[in-house]
Amino acid sequence: MIKDMLVFLDGGPEDATRLAYAENIASRQDAHLTGLYCNIVPEMLVAGNAAMTSAQIIVEMQEAAVKAGDEVEKTLKAQLEKLSVPTELRRIDVFASQAGNQVAAAARRTDLFVASRLYGDHVDNPELFETVLFNSGRGCLFVPPGKTPGGDMDTVLVGWRNTRETARALAEALPLLKQAKNVIVALVLDSTPPERDGEMPGADIARHLDRHGVNVELRQITGWSDAAAALLNEAEKSGADLVVMGGYGHSRFREWVLGGVTRDVMNAAQVPVLLAH
């Protein structure tokens, strides 16, 4: 079961959306909800003759950011107190360059991390959430901006590939899958494959979920050259309340960035997406 959840908060308009989805899950899982207020403060990147003057300016800006954060903290505490589940608020005042690692470290000590969808006008620092996904070792639930849950997550679409990343996502999502009324395991295939050892691809993972008491349906999706579009279409067609998939990426210098299919889904998904790496 999910008993300990962490929700990213920044004092912006999407905090209410994130908290609504988190409360929905926490109430069903009988979980504790921690809001992590991440207050970004300016950091000094200036060198040379202007460094001393600039340092003073930066110190003043940092002090102002911390003071402004005090007011945001009060507002967030009031929001959390209105929720129907046990809550607490934690705060970190942190440089943008260090925020991802600090949030990832906090997420490791919980069962599920909740944030907004990685990309779009509502996200100022998508690299922060990429860092959490690739370094926390936890399931990360990314919710669509400006939306609130329409009800319980009764229909879940799992984008299945026989990979470590998808297996991790499935394991992290299992408490939600067991509560869902209908779980669709979708395989996006280049063509209709032959049976293997007398059974169709995907039958083994469907059987595994069935043994966990999950009401599972297997669907093979063909005729699509774009796997992300295929999954999003299937999610819409089936009325899915949640999509579960592996969080794929590749190394860029010392950082990880999302790969094509994952990035495309996160750009456009209109329902929450649970990823794990």
C-alpha atoms as a PDB file:
ATOM      1  CA  MET A   1       0.000   0.000   0.000  1.00  0.00           C
ATOM      2  CA  ILE A   2       0.945   3.634  -0.426  1.00  0.00           C
ATOM      3  CA  LYS A   3       1.261   5.085   3.078  1.00  0.00           C
ATOM      4  CA  ASP A   4       3.576   8.060   2.667  1.00  0.00           C
ATOM      5  CA  MET A   5       3.241  10.595  -0.164  1.00  0.00           C
ATOM      6  CA  LEU A   6       5.286  13.667  -1.075  1.00  0.00           C
ATOM      7  CA  VAL A   7       3.758  16.535  -3.079  1.00  0.00           C
ATOM      8  CA  PHE A   8       5.864  19.229  -4.729  1.00  0.00           C
ATOM      9  CA  LEU A   9       4.680  22.751  -3.896  1.00  0.00           C
ATOM     10  CA  ASP A  10       6.055  26.080  -5.086  1.00  0.00           C
ATOM     11  CA  GLY A  11       3.434  28.626  -4.124  1.00  0.00           C
ATOM     12  CA  GLY A  12       2.070  28.776  -7.674  1.00  0.00           C
ATOM     13  CA  PRO A  13      -1.424  28.213  -9.059  1.00  0.00           C
ATOM     14  CA  GLU A  14      -0.779  24.514  -9.779  1.00  0.00           C
ATOM     15  CA  ASP A  15      -0.329  23.685  -6.088  1.00  0.00           C
ATOM     16  CA  ALA A  16      -4.098  23.265  -5.758  1.00  0.00           C
ATOM     17  CA  THR A  17      -4.178  20.799  -8.662  1.00  0.00           C
ATOM     18  CA  ARG A  18      -1.330  18.726  -7.270  1.00  0.00           C
ATOM     19  CA  LEU A  19      -2.905  18.649  -3.820  1.00  0.00           C
ATOM     20  CA  ALA A  20      -6.295  17.618  -5.209  1.00  0.00           C
ATOM     21  CA  TYR A  21      -4.852  14.569  -6.951  1.00  0.00           C
ATOM     22  CA  ALA A  22      -2.649  13.714  -3.983  1.00  0.00           C
ATOM     23  CA  GLU A  23      -5.557  13.961  -1.554  1.00  0.00           C
ATOM     24  CA  ASN A  24      -7.648  11.724  -3.795  1.00  0.00           C
ATOM     25  CA  ILE A  25      -5.028   8.971  -3.679  1.00  0.00           C
ATOM     26  CA  ALA A  26      -4.119   9.473  -0.024  1.00  0.00           C
ATOM     27  CA  SER A  27      -7.746   9.120   1.050  1.00  0.00           C
ATOM     28  CA  ARG A  28      -8.116   5.828  -0.831  1.00  0.00           C
ATOM     29  CA  GLN A  29      -4.782   4.477   0.390  1.00  0.00           C
ATOM     30  CA  ASP A  30      -5.116   5.782   3.961  1.00  0.00           C
ATOM     31  CA  ALA A  31      -1.824   7.593   3.447  1.00  0.00           C
ATOM     32  CA  HIS A  32      -0.014  10.510   5.064  1.00  0.00           C
ATOM     33  CA  LEU A  33       0.544  13.517   2.813  1.00  0.00           C
ATOM     34  CA  THR A  34       3.644  15.709   3.033  1.00  0.00           C
ATOM     35  CA  GLY A  35       3.789  18.945   1.100  1.00  0.00           C
ATOM     36  CA  LEU A  36       7.331  19.899   0.155  1.00  0.00           C
ATOM     37  CA  TYR A  37       7.543  23.649  -0.400  1.00  0.00           C
ATOM     38  CA  CYS A  38      10.525  24.290  -2.667  1.00  0.00           C
ATOM     39  CA  ASN A  39      11.430  27.992  -2.403  1.00  0.00           C
ATOM     40  CA  ILE A  40      13.976  28.856  -5.095  1.00  0.00           C
ATOM     41  CA  VAL A  41      16.451  31.554  -4.060  1.00  0.00           C
ATOM     42  CA  PRO A  42      18.897  33.367  -6.368  1.00  0.00           C
ATOM     43  CA  GLU A  43      22.477  32.166  -6.527  1.00  0.00           C
ATOM     44  CA  MET A  44      25.556  34.193  -7.414  1.00  0.00           C
ATOM     45  CA  LEU A  45      27.202  33.347 -10.736  1.00  0.00           C
ATOM     46  CA  VAL A  46      29.170  36.579 -11.165  1.00  0.00           C
ATOM     47  CA  ALA A  47      32.980  36.814 -11.149  1.00  0.00           C
ATOM     48  CA  GLY A  48      35.514  39.575 -11.756  1.00  0.00           C
ATOM     49  CA  ASN A  49      35.544  43.214 -10.712  1.00  0.00           C
ATOM     50  CA  ALA A  50      31.794  43.397 -10.264  1.00  0.00           C
ATOM     51  CA  ALA A  51      31.698  40.357  -7.993  1.00  0.00           C
ATOM     52  CA  MET A  52      31.652  42.225  -4.655  1.00  0.00           C
ATOM     53  CA  THR A  53      28.858  44.599  -5.679  1.00  0.00           C
ATOM     54  CA  SER A  54      26.930  41.763  -7.284  1.00  0.00           C
ATOM     55  CA  ALA A  55      27.404  39.600  -4.196  1.00  0.00           C
ATOM     56  CA  GLN A  56      25.723  42.212  -2.046  1.00  0.00           C
ATOM     57  CA  ILE A  57      22.833  42.469  -4.484  1.00  0.00           C
ATOM     58  CA  ILE A  58      22.451  38.701  -4.540  1.00  0.00           C
ATOM     59  CA  VAL A  59      22.470  38.511  -0.732  1.00  0.00           C
ATOM     60  CA  GLU A  60      19.684  41.078  -0.618  1.00  0.00           C
ATOM     61  CA  MET A  61      17.725  39.162  -3.250  1.00  0.00           C
ATOM     62  CA  GLN A  62      18.180  35.936  -1.297  1.00  0.00           C
ATOM     63  CA  GLU A  63      16.944  37.563   1.889  1.00  0.00           C
ATOM     64  CA  ALA A  64      13.938  38.921   0.031  1.00  0.00           C
ATOM     65  CA  ALA A  65      13.204  35.477  -1.440  1.00  0.00           C
ATOM     66  CA  VAL A  66      13.317  33.857   1.991  1.00  0.00           C
ATOM     67  CA  LYS A  67      11.040  36.558   3.431  1.00  0.00           C
ATOM     68  CA  ALA A  68       8.574  36.141   0.559  1.00  0.00           C
ATOM     69  CA  GLY A  69       8.718  32.394   1.173  1.00  0.00           C
ATOM     70  CA  ASP A  70       7.502  32.961   4.739  1.00  0.00           C
ATOM     71  CA  GLU A  71       4.217  34.311   3.410  1.00  0.00           C
ATOM     72  CA  VAL A  72       3.846  31.481   0.907  1.00  0.00           C
ATOM     73  CA  GLU A  73       4.504  28.982   3.682  1.00  0.00           C
ATOM     74  CA  LYS A  74       1.622  30.376   5.730  1.00  0.00           C
ATOM     75  CA  THR A  75      -0.725  30.060   2.741  1.00  0.00           C
ATOM     76  CA  LEU A  76       0.356  26.485   2.049  1.00  0.00           C
ATOM     77  CA  LYS A  77      -0.118  25.463   5.678  1.00  0.00           C
ATOM     78  CA  ALA A  78      -3.670  26.778   5.513  1.00  0.00           C
ATOM     79  CA  GLN A  79      -4.295  24.785   2.305  1.00  0.00           C
ATOM     80  CA  LEU A  80      -2.991  21.568   3.840  1.00  0.00           C
ATOM     81  CA  GLU A  81      -5.075  21.999   6.981  1.00  0.00           C
ATOM     82  CA  LYS A  82      -8.234  21.931   4.854  1.00  0.00           C
ATOM     83  CA  LEU A  83      -7.474  18.490   3.403  1.00  0.00           C
ATOM     84  CA  SER A  84      -9.237  15.360   4.622  1.00  0.00           C
ATOM     85  CA  VAL A  85      -6.051  13.345   5.200  1.00  0.00           C
ATOM     86  CA  PRO A  86      -3.148  13.654   7.671  1.00  0.00           C
ATOM     87  CA  THR A  87      -0.695  16.282   6.398  1.00  0.00           C
ATOM     88  CA  GLU A  88       2.453  18.180   7.186  1.00  0.00           C
ATOM     89  CA  LEU A  89       4.464  20.871   5.409  1.00  0.00           C
ATOM     90  CA  ARG A  90       8.197  20.851   4.887  1.00  0.00           C
ATOM     91  CA  ARG A  91      10.166  23.689   3.353  1.00  0.00           C
ATOM     92  CA  ILE A  92      13.505  23.971   1.624  1.00  0.00           C
ATOM     93  CA  ASP A  93      15.107  27.257   0.539  1.00  0.00           C
ATOM     94  CA  VAL A  94      17.377  26.132  -2.251  1.00  0.00           C
ATOM     95  CA  PHE A  95      19.274  27.226  -5.346  1.00  0.00           C
ATOM     96  CA  ALA A  96      17.699  26.114  -8.622  1.00  0.00           C
ATOM     97  CA  SER A  97      20.830  24.125  -9.510  1.00  0.00           C
ATOM     98  CA  GLN A  98      20.509  22.067  -6.312  1.00  0.00           C
ATOM     99  CA  ALA A  99      16.737  21.734  -6.108  1.00  0.00           C
ATOM    100  CA  GLY A 100      16.414  18.525  -8.130  1.00  0.00           C
ATOM    101  CA  ASN A 101      18.822  16.553  -5.987  1.00  0.00           C
ATOM    102  CA  GLN A 102      17.284  17.809  -2.735  1.00  0.00           C
ATOM    103  CA  VAL A 103      13.751  16.984  -3.843  1.00  0.00           C
ATOM    104  CA  ALA A 104      14.904  13.565  -5.089  1.00  0.00           C
ATOM    105  CA  ALA A 105      16.485  12.869  -1.699  1.00  0.00           C
ATOM    106  CA  ALA A 106      13.214  13.742   0.034  1.00  0.00           C
ATOM    107  CA  ALA A 107      11.212  11.582  -2.392  1.00  0.00           C
ATOM    108  CA  ARG A 108      13.346   8.512  -1.594  1.00  0.00           C
ATOM    109  CA  ARG A 109      11.927   8.508   1.905  1.00  0.00           C
ATOM    110  CA  THR A 110       8.325   8.254   0.701  1.00  0.00           C
ATOM    111  CA  ASP A 111       6.194   5.896  -1.370  1.00  0.00           C
ATOM    112  CA  LEU A 112       5.012   8.228  -4.131  1.00  0.00           C
ATOM    113  CA  PHE A 113       6.068  11.652  -5.440  1.00  0.00           C
ATOM    114  CA  VAL A 114       3.446  13.957  -6.968  1.00  0.00           C
ATOM    115  CA  ALA A 115       4.207  16.884  -9.270  1.00  0.00           C
ATOM    116  CA  SER A 116       2.786  18.614 -12.336  1.00  0.00           C
ATOM    117  CA  ARG A 117       3.280  17.277 -15.850  1.00  0.00           C
ATOM    118  CA  LEU A 118       6.898  17.893 -16.774  1.00  0.00           C
ATOM    119  CA  TYR A 119       6.500  20.184 -19.759  1.00  0.00           C
ATOM    120  CA  GLY A 120       4.454  23.227 -20.709  1.00  0.00           C
ATOM    121  CA  ASP A 121       3.977  26.850 -19.707  1.00  0.00           C
ATOM    122  CA  HIS A 122       3.155  25.827 -16.126  1.00  0.00           C
ATOM    123  CA  VAL A 123       6.652  24.383 -15.509  1.00  0.00           C
ATOM    124  CA  ASP A 124       9.616  26.728 -15.074  1.00  0.00           C
ATOM    125  CA  ASN A 125      12.216  24.060 -14.379  1.00  0.00           C
ATOM    126  CA  PRO A 126      11.452  20.675 -15.979  1.00  0.00           C
ATOM    127  CA  GLU A 127      15.023  19.555 -15.263  1.00  0.00           C
ATOM    128  CA  LEU A 128      14.126  19.499 -11.563  1.00  0.00           C
ATOM    129  CA  PHE A 129      11.472  16.846 -12.111  1.00  0.00           C
ATOM    130  CA  GLU A 130      13.644  14.871 -14.530  1.00  0.00           C
ATOM    131  CA  THR A 131      16.253  14.719 -11.759  1.00  0.00           C
ATOM    132  CA  VAL A 132      13.655  13.431  -9.301  1.00  0.00           C
ATOM    133  CA  LEU A 133      12.426  10.786 -11.751  1.00  0.00           C
ATOM    134  CA  PHE A 134      15.878   9.450 -12.581  1.00  0.00           C
ATOM    135  CA  ASN A 135      17.427   9.725  -9.124  1.00  0.00           C
ATOM    136  CA  SER A 136      14.730   9.154  -6.514  1.00  0.00           C
ATOM    137  CA  GLY A 137      14.138   5.452  -7.146  1.00  0.00           C
ATOM    138  CA  ARG A 138      10.435   6.070  -6.518  1.00  0.00           C
ATOM    139  CA  GLY A 139       7.278   6.215  -8.556  1.00  0.00           C
ATOM    140  CA  CYS A 140       6.513   9.739  -9.758  1.00  0.00           C
ATOM    141  CA  LEU A 141       2.946  10.791 -10.499  1.00  0.00           C
ATOM    142  CA  PHE A 142       2.782  13.729 -12.916  1.00  0.00           C
ATOM    143  CA  VAL A 143      -0.644  15.363 -13.101  1.00  0.00           C
ATOM    144  CA  PRO A 144      -2.088  17.512 -15.916  1.00  0.00           C
ATOM    145  CA  PRO A 145      -2.178  21.273 -15.303  1.00  0.00           C
ATOM    146  CA  GLY A 146      -5.400  23.070 -14.545  1.00  0.00           C
ATOM    147  CA  LYS A 147      -7.416  19.899 -13.986  1.00  0.00           C
ATOM    148  CA  THR A 148      -8.838  18.253 -10.906  1.00  0.00           C
ATOM    149  CA  PRO A 149      -9.619  14.565 -10.470  1.00  0.00           C
ATOM    150  CA  GLY A 150     -13.065  13.667 -11.729  1.00  0.00           C
ATOM    151  CA  GLY A 151     -13.303  10.750  -9.349  1.00  0.00           C
ATOM    152  CA  ASP A 152     -11.324   7.704  -8.301  1.00  0.00           C
ATOM    153  CA  MET A 153      -8.745   6.155 -10.600  1.00  0.00           C
ATOM    154  CA  ASP A 154     -11.044   3.324 -11.624  1.00  0.00           C
ATOM    155  CA  THR A 155      -9.610   2.728 -15.106  1.00  0.00           C
ATOM    156  CA  VAL A 156      -5.845   2.481 -15.519  1.00  0.00           C
ATOM    157  CA  LEU A 157      -3.907   2.050 -18.748  1.00  0.00           C
ATOM    158  CA  VAL A 158      -0.502   0.374 -18.471  1.00  0.00           C
ATOM    159  CA  GLY A 159       1.851   0.917 -21.406  1.00  0.00           C
ATOM    160  CA  TRP A 160       3.705  -2.382 -21.210  1.00  0.00           C
ATOM    161  CA  ARG A 161       7.172  -3.162 -22.538  1.00  0.00           C
ATOM    162  CA  ASN A 162       9.265  -5.975 -21.135  1.00  0.00           C
ATOM    163  CA  THR A 163      11.889  -3.638 -19.685  1.00  0.00           C
ATOM    164  CA  ARG A 164      13.272  -2.796 -16.263  1.00  0.00           C
ATOM    165  CA  GLU A 165      11.738   0.690 -16.355  1.00  0.00           C
ATOM    166  CA  THR A 166       8.227  -0.579 -17.048  1.00  0.00           C
ATOM    167  CA  ALA A 167       8.566  -3.313 -14.435  1.00  0.00           C
ATOM    168  CA  ARG A 168       9.551  -0.674 -11.879  1.00  0.00           C
ATOM    169  CA  ALA A 169       6.579   1.509 -12.811  1.00  0.00           C
ATOM    170  CA  LEU A 170       4.225  -1.464 -12.546  1.00  0.00           C
ATOM    171  CA  ALA A 171       5.544  -2.363  -9.096  1.00  0.00           C
ATOM    172  CA  GLU A 172       5.205   1.225  -7.874  1.00  0.00           C
ATOM    173  CA  ALA A 173       1.658   1.461  -9.260  1.00  0.00           C
ATOM    174  CA  LEU A 174       0.472  -1.926  -7.936  1.00  0.00           C
ATOM    175  CA  PRO A 175      -1.443  -0.510  -4.924  1.00  0.00           C
ATOM    176  CA  LEU A 176      -3.413   1.702  -7.335  1.00  0.00           C
ATOM    177  CA  LEU A 177      -3.936  -1.120  -9.819  1.00  0.00           C
ATOM    178  CA  LYS A 178      -5.389  -3.356  -7.112  1.00  0.00           C
ATOM    179  CA  GLN A 179      -7.966  -0.701  -6.250  1.00  0.00           C
ATOM    180  CA  ALA A 180      -8.914   0.029  -9.875  1.00  0.00           C
ATOM    181  CA  LYS A 181     -12.029  -1.518 -11.389  1.00  0.00           C
ATOM    182  CA  ASN A 182     -10.370  -2.078 -14.760  1.00  0.00           C
ATOM    183  CA  VAL A 183      -6.683  -2.251 -15.696  1.00  0.00           C
ATOM    184  CA  ILE A 184      -5.794  -2.319 -19.390  1.00  0.00           C
ATOM    185  CA  VAL A 185      -2.349  -3.615 -20.295  1.00  0.00           C
ATOM    186  CA  ALA A 186      -1.596  -2.124 -23.702  1.00  0.00           C
ATOM    187  CA  LEU A 187       1.221  -3.307 -25.976  1.00  0.00           C
ATOM    188  CA  VAL A 188       2.036  -1.081 -28.950  1.00  0.00           C
ATOM    189  CA  LEU A 189       3.226  -3.454 -31.695  1.00  0.00           C
ATOM    190  CA  ASP A 190       4.634  -2.855 -35.156  1.00  0.00           C
ATOM    191  CA  SER A 191       2.451  -5.660 -36.468  1.00  0.00           C
ATOM    192  CA  THR A 192       0.348  -8.486 -35.103  1.00  0.00           C
ATOM    193  CA  PRO A 193       2.969 -10.879 -33.652  1.00  0.00           C
ATOM    194  CA  PRO A 194       2.861 -14.650 -33.784  1.00  0.00           C
ATOM    195  CA  GLU A 195       2.061 -16.565 -30.647  1.00  0.00           C
ATOM    196  CA  ARG A 196       5.047 -17.419 -28.494  1.00  0.00           C
ATOM    197  CA  ASP A 197       5.012 -20.735 -26.682  1.00  0.00           C
ATOM    198  CA  GLY A 198       1.304 -21.014 -27.342  1.00  0.00           C
ATOM    199  CA  GLU A 199       0.282 -17.621 -25.928  1.00  0.00           C
ATOM    200  CA  MET A 200       0.153 -14.052 -27.161  1.00  0.00           C
ATOM    201  CA  PRO A 201       2.715 -11.446 -26.035  1.00  0.00           C
ATOM    202  CA  GLY A 202       1.609  -9.750 -22.867  1.00  0.00           C
ATOM    203  CA  ALA A 203      -0.232 -12.780 -21.528  1.00  0.00           C
ATOM    204  CA  ASP A 204       2.492 -13.379 -18.943  1.00  0.00           C
ATOM    205  CA  ILE A 205       2.306  -9.901 -17.400  1.00  0.00           C
ATOM    206  CA  ALA A 206      -1.498 -10.032 -17.476  1.00  0.00           C
ATOM    207  CA  ARG A 207      -1.338 -13.336 -15.617  1.00  0.00           C
ATOM    208  CA  HIS A 208       1.092 -11.812 -13.089  1.00  0.00           C
ATOM    209  CA  LEU A 209      -1.321  -8.959 -12.349  1.00  0.00           C
ATOM    210  CA  ASP A 210      -4.253 -11.336 -12.124  1.00  0.00           C
ATOM    211  CA  ARG A 211      -2.400 -13.240  -9.405  1.00  0.00           C
ATOM    212  CA  HIS A 212      -2.257  -9.980  -7.461  1.00  0.00           C
ATOM    213  CA  GLY A 213      -6.017  -9.654  -7.677  1.00  0.00           C
ATOM    214  CA  VAL A 214      -5.981  -7.034 -10.441  1.00  0.00           C
ATOM    215  CA  ASN A 215      -8.920  -7.012 -12.860  1.00  0.00           C
ATOM    216  CA  VAL A 216      -6.808  -6.947 -16.014  1.00  0.00           C
ATOM    217  CA  GLU A 217      -7.528  -6.788 -19.736  1.00  0.00           C
ATOM    218  CA  LEU A 218      -4.855  -7.257 -22.412  1.00  0.00           C
ATOM    219  CA  ARG A 219      -4.901  -5.128 -25.558  1.00  0.00           C
ATOM    220  CA  GLN A 220      -2.466  -5.239 -28.462  1.00  0.00           C
ATOM    221  CA  ILE A 221      -2.314  -2.001 -30.447  1.00  0.00           C
ATOM    222  CA  THR A 222      -1.194  -2.160 -34.062  1.00  0.00           C
ATOM    223  CA  GLY A 223      -1.194   0.185 -37.027  1.00  0.00           C
ATOM    224  CA  TRP A 224       0.587   3.060 -35.283  1.00  0.00           C
ATOM    225  CA  SER A 225       4.052   4.369 -36.156  1.00  0.00           C
ATOM    226  CA  ASP A 226       4.027   6.700 -33.128  1.00  0.00           C
ATOM    227  CA  ALA A 227       3.939   4.764 -29.858  1.00  0.00           C
ATOM    228  CA  ALA A 228       3.180   7.840 -27.730  1.00  0.00           C
ATOM    229  CA  ALA A 229       0.228   8.811 -29.911  1.00  0.00           C
ATOM    230  CA  ALA A 230      -1.017   5.214 -29.782  1.00  0.00           C
ATOM    231  CA  LEU A 231      -0.948   5.155 -25.974  1.00  0.00           C
ATOM    232  CA  LEU A 232      -2.599   8.550 -25.646  1.00  0.00           C
ATOM    233  CA  ASN A 233      -5.307   7.519 -28.114  1.00  0.00           C
ATOM    234  CA  GLU A 234      -5.933   4.299 -26.204  1.00  0.00           C
ATOM    235  CA  ALA A 235      -6.087   6.211 -22.920  1.00  0.00           C
ATOM    236  CA  GLU A 236      -8.707   8.573 -24.308  1.00  0.00           C
ATOM    237  CA  LYS A 237     -10.701   5.810 -26.002  1.00  0.00           C
ATOM    238  CA  SER A 238     -10.818   3.682 -22.867  1.00  0.00           C
ATOM    239  CA  GLY A 239     -11.605   6.590 -20.537  1.00  0.00           C
ATOM    240  CA  ALA A 240      -8.458   5.954 -18.517  1.00  0.00           C
ATOM    241  CA  ASP A 241      -8.041   7.917 -15.290  1.00  0.00           C
ATOM    242  CA  LEU A 242      -4.327   7.085 -15.052  1.00  0.00           C
ATOM    243  CA  VAL A 243      -1.504   5.986 -17.352  1.00  0.00           C
ATOM    244  CA  VAL A 244       1.386   3.881 -16.046  1.00  0.00           C
ATOM    245  CA  MET A 245       4.600   3.510 -18.050  1.00  0.00           C
ATOM    246  CA  GLY A 246       8.353   3.285 -17.753  1.00  0.00           C
ATOM    247  CA  GLY A 247      10.365   6.486 -17.500  1.00  0.00           C
ATOM    248  CA  TYR A 248      12.920   6.164 -20.274  1.00  0.00           C
ATOM    249  CA  GLY A 249      15.808   8.537 -20.821  1.00  0.00           C
ATOM    250  CA  HIS A 250      19.351   9.014 -21.972  1.00  0.00           C
ATOM    251  CA  SER A 251      22.419  10.655 -20.539  1.00  0.00           C
ATOM    252  CA  ARG A 252      23.255  14.212 -21.541  1.00  0.00           C
ATOM    253  CA  PHE A 253      26.605  15.172 -20.038  1.00  0.00           C
ATOM    254  CA  ARG A 254      26.059  14.475 -16.315  1.00  0.00           C
ATOM    255  CA  GLU A 255      22.268  14.692 -16.453  1.00  0.00           C
ATOM    256  CA  TRP A 256      19.469  12.460 -17.674  1.00  0.00           C
ATOM    257  CA  VAL A 257      16.746  13.651 -20.008  1.00  0.00           C
ATOM    258  CA  LEU A 258      13.544  11.924 -21.070  1.00  0.00           C
ATOM    259  CA  GLY A 259      13.503   9.854 -24.234  1.00  0.00           C
ATOM    260  CA  GLY A 260      11.156  10.377 -27.160  1.00  0.00           C
ATOM    261  CA  VAL A 261       8.060   8.330 -26.260  1.00  0.00           C
ATOM    262  CA  THR A 262       8.089   9.348 -22.594  1.00  0.00           C
ATOM    263  CA  ARG A 263       8.624  13.006 -23.473  1.00  0.00           C
ATOM    264  CA  ASP A 264       5.812  12.987 -26.036  1.00  0.00           C
ATOM    265  CA  VAL A 265       3.383  11.446 -23.557  1.00  0.00           C
ATOM    266  CA  MET A 266       4.366  13.954 -20.885  1.00  0.00           C
ATOM    267  CA  ASN A 267       3.865  16.825 -23.312  1.00  0.00           C
ATOM    268  CA  ALA A 268       0.262  15.952 -24.070  1.00  0.00           C
ATOM    269  CA  ALA A 269      -1.279  13.633 -21.456  1.00  0.00           C
ATOM    270  CA  GLN A 270      -4.612  14.896 -20.135  1.00  0.00           C
ATOM    271  CA  VAL A 271      -4.645  12.394 -17.266  1.00  0.00           C
ATOM    272  CA  PRO A 272      -2.049  11.685 -14.576  1.00  0.00           C
ATOM    273  CA  VAL A 273       0.946   9.602 -15.666  1.00  0.00           C
ATOM    274  CA  LEU A 274       2.856   7.430 -13.201  1.00  0.00           C
ATOM    275  CA  LEU A 275       6.481   6.955 -14.249  1.00  0.00           C
ATOM    276  CA  ALA A 276       9.399   5.110 -12.701  1.00  0.00           C
ATOM    277  CA  HIS A 277      12.925   4.625 -13.927  1.00  0.00           C
END
